Amino acid sequence: MQAPFPFALTASEMGLSPAIILLILVSSIAFIIGFAKSSRENEYKKLMDSFIERKDKSE
């Protein structure tokens, strides 16, 4: 009987130690949190307001 996933490697076969896996998880979570925070700060309205303000100053 064939396995449902014919090609799969374990973490140890890829050379990933538990410390490296933990580092990958922590940095991934930090990236997602940072991205969400910066996305909230750069809302469309704020960007449009700053664009209009710059356009007014240049005239």
Protein backbone atom coordinates (compact mmCIF):
# COMPACT_ATOMS: atom_id res chain seq x y z
CA MET A 1 0.00 0.00 0.00
CA GLN A 2 1.32 3.44 -0.91
CA ALA A 3 1.78 6.17 1.65
CA PRO A 4 -0.53 9.18 1.24
CA PHE A 5 2.53 11.48 1.10
CA PRO A 6 5.12 9.73 -1.08
CA PHE A 7 7.76 12.40 -0.44
CA ALA A 8 8.17 13.66 3.10
CA LEU A 9 11.25 14.35 5.18
CA THR A 10 11.43 14.63 8.92
CA ALA A 11 13.04 17.65 10.53
CA SER A 12 16.11 15.64 11.52
CA GLU A 13 16.53 14.39 7.95
CA MET A 14 16.60 18.02 6.80
CA GLY A 15 19.20 18.88 9.43
CA LEU A 16 16.91 20.96 11.60
CA SER A 17 17.63 20.80 15.30
CA PRO A 18 15.01 21.73 17.90
CA ALA A 19 16.85 25.04 18.49
CA ILE A 20 16.63 25.96 14.80
CA ILE A 21 12.95 25.02 14.64
CA LEU A 22 12.30 27.20 17.71
CA LEU A 23 14.20 30.09 16.11
CA ILE A 24 12.15 29.75 12.91
CA LEU A 25 8.88 29.72 14.87
CA VAL A 26 9.81 32.74 17.01
CA SER A 27 10.98 34.80 14.04
CA SER A 28 7.84 33.86 12.06
CA ILE A 29 5.58 34.97 14.89
CA ALA A 30 7.56 38.22 15.31
CA PHE A 31 7.22 38.90 11.57
CA ILE A 32 3.46 38.33 11.58
CA ILE A 33 2.97 40.57 14.64
CA GLY A 34 5.17 43.30 13.16
CA PHE A 35 3.40 43.12 9.82
CA ALA A 36 -0.02 43.38 11.46
CA LYS A 37 1.11 46.35 13.57
CA SER A 38 2.58 48.24 10.62
CA SER A 39 -0.49 47.51 8.49
CA ARG A 40 -2.74 49.09 11.08
CA GLU A 41 -0.54 52.19 11.20
CA ASN A 42 -0.56 52.59 7.42
CA GLU A 43 -4.24 52.62 6.72
CA TYR A 44 -5.47 53.78 3.34
CA LYS A 45 -6.97 57.00 4.72
CA LYS A 46 -3.72 58.06 6.36
CA LEU A 47 -1.82 57.40 3.16
CA MET A 48 -4.29 59.36 1.06
CA ASP A 49 -4.28 62.27 3.54
CA SER A 50 -0.50 62.46 3.40
CA PHE A 51 -0.56 62.31 -0.42
CA ILE A 52 -3.08 65.15 -0.62
CA GLU A 53 -1.09 67.18 1.91
CA ARG A 54 2.13 66.75 -0.10
CA LYS A 55 0.32 67.72 -3.30
CA ASP A 56 -0.97 70.93 -1.69
CA LYS A 57 2.52 71.86 -0.45
CA SER A 58 4.06 71.42 -3.89
CA GLU A 59 1.68 73.92 -5.52
